[in-house]
Protein backbone atom coordinates (compact mmCIF):
# COMPACT_ATOMS: atom_id res chain seq x y z
CA MET A 1 10.36 -31.84 -2.68
CA SER A 2 11.65 -33.44 0.44
CA GLU A 3 11.68 -37.14 1.21
CA SER A 4 8.77 -36.75 3.63
CA ALA A 5 6.35 -35.29 1.11
CA GLY A 6 2.80 -36.32 1.93
CA LEU A 7 -0.31 -36.51 -0.19
CA ASP A 8 -1.14 -32.92 0.75
CA ASP A 9 2.03 -31.73 -0.97
CA LEU A 10 1.02 -33.52 -4.15
CA PHE A 11 -2.42 -31.93 -4.19
CA SER A 12 -1.20 -28.39 -3.62
CA PHE A 13 -0.45 -26.05 -6.46
CA GLU A 14 0.51 -22.48 -6.95
CA GLU A 15 -1.36 -20.33 -9.40
CA GLU A 16 0.69 -18.87 -12.21
CA PRO A 17 0.77 -15.10 -12.33
CA PRO A 18 -1.44 -13.69 -15.06
CA ALA A 19 0.19 -12.44 -18.23
CA ARG A 20 1.10 -8.79 -18.00
CA SER A 21 -0.73 -6.43 -20.23
CA GLY A 22 -0.48 -2.78 -21.08
CA ARG A 23 -2.90 -2.04 -18.26
CA ALA A 24 -0.39 -3.37 -15.69
CA ARG A 25 2.27 -1.02 -17.02
CA GLY A 26 -0.18 1.92 -16.85
CA GLY A 27 -1.02 0.96 -13.28
CA ARG A 28 2.65 0.93 -12.37
CA VAL A 29 3.20 4.37 -13.89
CA ARG A 30 0.12 5.67 -12.12
CA TRP A 31 1.36 4.18 -8.82
CA LEU A 32 4.82 5.74 -9.30
CA PHE A 33 3.25 9.12 -10.11
CA ARG A 34 1.06 8.92 -6.99
CA LEU A 35 4.08 7.95 -4.89
CA LEU A 36 6.14 10.88 -6.15
CA LEU A 37 3.24 13.29 -5.72
CA THR A 38 2.61 12.05 -2.18
CA ALA A 39 6.32 12.22 -1.36
CA ALA A 40 6.52 15.80 -2.66
CA GLY A 41 3.48 16.84 -0.62
CA VAL A 42 4.68 15.21 2.59
CA THR A 43 8.20 16.60 2.06
CA ALA A 44 6.79 20.12 1.66
CA VAL A 45 4.73 19.78 4.84
CA VAL A 46 7.72 18.42 6.80
CA VAL A 47 10.06 21.18 5.54
CA VAL A 48 7.50 23.90 6.36
CA GLY A 49 6.87 22.36 9.79
CA LEU A 50 10.59 22.14 10.57
CA ARG A 51 11.18 25.73 9.49
CA ALA A 52 8.20 26.88 11.58
CA VAL A 53 9.86 25.55 14.71
CA GLY A 54 13.25 26.92 13.69
CA LEU A 55 14.95 23.74 12.48
CA GLN A 56 16.69 23.28 9.16
CA LEU A 57 17.41 19.90 7.56
CA SER A 58 18.84 19.05 4.18
CA LEU A 59 16.12 18.59 1.56
CA GLY A 60 17.74 15.32 0.40
CA ILE A 61 17.52 13.85 3.89
CA VAL A 62 13.87 14.83 4.22
CA VAL A 63 13.02 13.35 0.79
CA ALA A 64 14.91 10.13 1.58
CA GLY A 65 13.14 9.84 4.94
CA VAL A 66 9.71 10.42 3.42
CA LEU A 67 10.36 7.85 0.65
CA ALA A 68 11.58 5.34 3.25
CA VAL A 69 8.46 5.82 5.37
CA LEU A 70 6.17 5.48 2.32
CA THR A 71 8.02 2.33 1.20
CA VAL A 72 7.77 0.74 4.64
CA ARG A 73 4.08 1.65 4.75
CA ARG A 74 3.47 -0.01 1.38
CA VAL A 75 5.39 -3.17 2.32
CA THR A 76 3.60 -3.55 5.64
CA ALA A 77 0.24 -2.99 3.96
CA ALA A 78 1.05 -5.71 1.43
CA LEU A 79 2.13 -8.15 4.15
CA SER A 80 -0.66 -7.48 6.61
CA PRO A 81 -3.37 -10.11 6.98
CA PRO A 82 -6.76 -9.38 5.46
CA PRO A 83 -9.23 -7.66 7.73
CA PRO A 84 -11.60 -9.94 9.64
CA PRO A 85 -14.98 -10.46 8.03
CA ARG A 86 -17.67 -8.06 9.10
CA SER A 87 -20.28 -10.20 10.75
CA GLY A 88 -22.70 -9.66 13.57
CA ALA A 89 -21.08 -12.28 15.76
CA ARG A 90 -18.04 -11.35 17.77
CA THR A 91 -15.15 -13.74 17.76
CA PRO A 92 -13.83 -14.44 21.23
CA ALA A 93 -10.34 -13.26 22.07
CA GLY A 94 -7.85 -15.92 23.01
CA GLU A 95 -8.35 -19.49 21.91
CA GLU A 96 -10.12 -20.35 18.71
CA PRO A 97 -13.44 -22.14 19.09
CA GLY A 98 -12.10 -25.22 17.27
CA ALA A 99 -14.88 -25.31 14.69
CA TYR A 100 -13.88 -25.37 11.03
CA ASN A 101 -15.46 -22.69 8.87
CA TRP A 102 -16.79 -24.83 6.01
CA ALA A 103 -18.14 -21.77 4.17
CA ALA A 104 -14.67 -20.26 3.77
CA ARG A 105 -12.91 -20.80 0.45
CA ASP A 106 -9.47 -22.19 1.10
CA ALA A 107 -7.01 -24.59 -0.47
CA LEU A 108 -7.74 -27.37 2.02
CA ARG A 109 -11.42 -27.35 1.15
CA ALA A 110 -10.64 -27.23 -2.57
CA ALA A 111 -8.35 -30.25 -2.25
CA ILE A 112 -10.93 -32.17 -0.22
CA ASN A 113 -13.66 -31.32 -2.73
CA GLY A 114 -11.35 -32.38 -5.54
CA TRP A 115 -11.57 -35.92 -4.17
CA GLU A 116 -14.81 -35.91 -2.17
CA ARG A 117 -17.15 -35.02 -5.02
CA PRO A 118 -15.82 -37.55 -7.56
CA LEU A 119 -15.67 -40.28 -4.88
CA ASP A 120 -19.24 -39.56 -3.84
CA TRP A 121 -20.39 -39.33 -7.45
CA SER A 122 -18.83 -42.68 -8.34
CA SER A 123 -19.50 -44.54 -5.11
CA GLY A 124 -22.08 -46.90 -6.57
CA ASN A 125 -21.01 -46.87 -10.22
CA GLN A 126 -18.00 -48.95 -11.27
CA GLU A 127 -17.75 -47.29 -14.69
CA ARG A 128 -17.50 -43.82 -13.15
CA PHE A 129 -14.98 -45.05 -10.59
CA THR A 130 -12.85 -46.59 -13.33
CA GLU A 131 -13.09 -43.45 -15.48
CA ARG A 132 -12.52 -40.79 -12.83
CA ILE A 133 -10.90 -42.11 -9.67
CA LEU A 134 -8.66 -44.94 -10.81
CA PRO A 135 -6.64 -42.74 -13.22
CA ARG A 136 -6.14 -40.15 -10.44
CA LEU A 137 -4.91 -42.82 -8.06
CA GLY A 138 -2.59 -44.13 -10.78
CA GLU A 139 -1.19 -40.65 -11.38
CA LEU A 140 -0.70 -40.26 -7.66
CA ALA A 141 1.17 -43.56 -7.44
CA ASP A 142 3.32 -42.62 -10.44
CA GLU A 143 4.13 -39.24 -8.90
CA ARG A 144 5.12 -40.82 -5.61
CA LEU A 145 7.28 -43.37 -7.44
CA ARG A 146 8.87 -40.64 -9.55
CA GLN A 147 9.64 -38.42 -6.56
CA ARG A 148 10.96 -41.14 -4.29
CA HIS A 149 12.50 -43.64 -6.70
CA GLY A 150 12.90 -41.92 -10.07
CA LEU A 151 10.57 -44.20 -12.03
CA THR A 152 6.95 -44.67 -13.04
CA ARG A 153 4.80 -47.72 -13.61
CA GLU A 154 5.29 -47.29 -17.34
CA SER A 155 9.05 -46.66 -17.33
CA ASP A 156 10.03 -49.63 -15.11
CA PRO A 157 7.02 -51.90 -14.48
CA THR A 158 8.97 -54.67 -12.72
CA ARG A 159 10.55 -52.39 -10.13
CA ALA A 160 7.36 -50.35 -9.76
CA ARG A 161 5.40 -53.54 -9.08
CA ALA A 162 7.89 -54.52 -6.39
CA LEU A 163 7.75 -51.05 -4.77
CA LEU A 164 3.95 -50.78 -4.90
CA GLY A 165 3.30 -54.27 -3.65
CA GLU A 166 1.03 -56.81 -5.26
CA PRO A 167 -2.32 -55.63 -3.81
CA LEU A 168 -1.81 -52.01 -4.85
CA TRP A 169 -0.35 -52.99 -8.23
CA SER A 170 -3.28 -55.26 -9.05
CA PHE A 171 -5.78 -52.63 -7.87
CA LEU A 172 -4.28 -50.00 -10.18
CA ASP A 173 -3.62 -52.38 -13.08
CA THR A 174 -6.85 -54.38 -13.22
CA PRO A 175 -10.02 -52.59 -12.12
CA SER A 176 -12.38 -54.64 -9.99
CA ARG A 177 -16.00 -55.31 -10.87
CA ARG A 178 -17.28 -53.07 -8.08
CA PRO A 179 -16.02 -49.82 -6.55
CA PRO A 180 -13.97 -50.35 -3.39
CA SER A 181 -15.49 -49.65 -0.02
CA PRO A 182 -14.32 -46.66 2.03
CA ARG A 183 -12.27 -49.06 4.16
CA ASP A 184 -10.57 -50.47 1.04
CA LEU A 185 -9.87 -46.93 -0.23
CA ALA A 186 -8.35 -46.03 3.15
CA ALA A 187 -6.05 -49.07 2.87
CA ILE A 188 -5.08 -48.05 -0.67
CA VAL A 189 -4.24 -44.51 0.44
CA ALA A 190 -2.22 -45.93 3.34
CA GLU A 191 -0.25 -48.05 0.87
CA LEU A 192 0.32 -45.00 -1.32
CA GLU A 193 1.62 -43.10 1.68
CA LYS A 194 4.16 -45.88 2.34
CA ILE A 195 5.75 -45.58 -1.10
């Protein structure tokens, strides 16, 4: 990662591709068979059409052209954005309305929920905060230290303490008797961003 990695970069992840099974191989063979069958059909139509108008073209050139067109079609279909949702409301052309669609499932919402729910759930309970949130914040601090300075709190506590600063170090090392307020959490996140 780059030097300017933010908290968003640490929360993002990429799903691993599923393990391939025999079904995937059968699907590939079926796809290849359909491609060849389609190419043969389109080639036959093109050759017949060309001969009907009195033109002759090498069969190899026609086959290569048809395969190129089918390949481009497949690539563009794979890269095209998903179709817009079918809803009764029309979306205005031009500028977006500026409202966030909270019902949509996206990575931003998943990352927010990954913190929002546990924070809300543990807001009045110190034991829950210490069990759920404090370890996450510690892992986040260790990851930032590892990425930026090549150490963790466990591997080099003295240097980590100096880099984190005394308030953040004591917050992560010795849990308080009450959960921090939202303002205190914002200050903690700001300190983590500075690492």
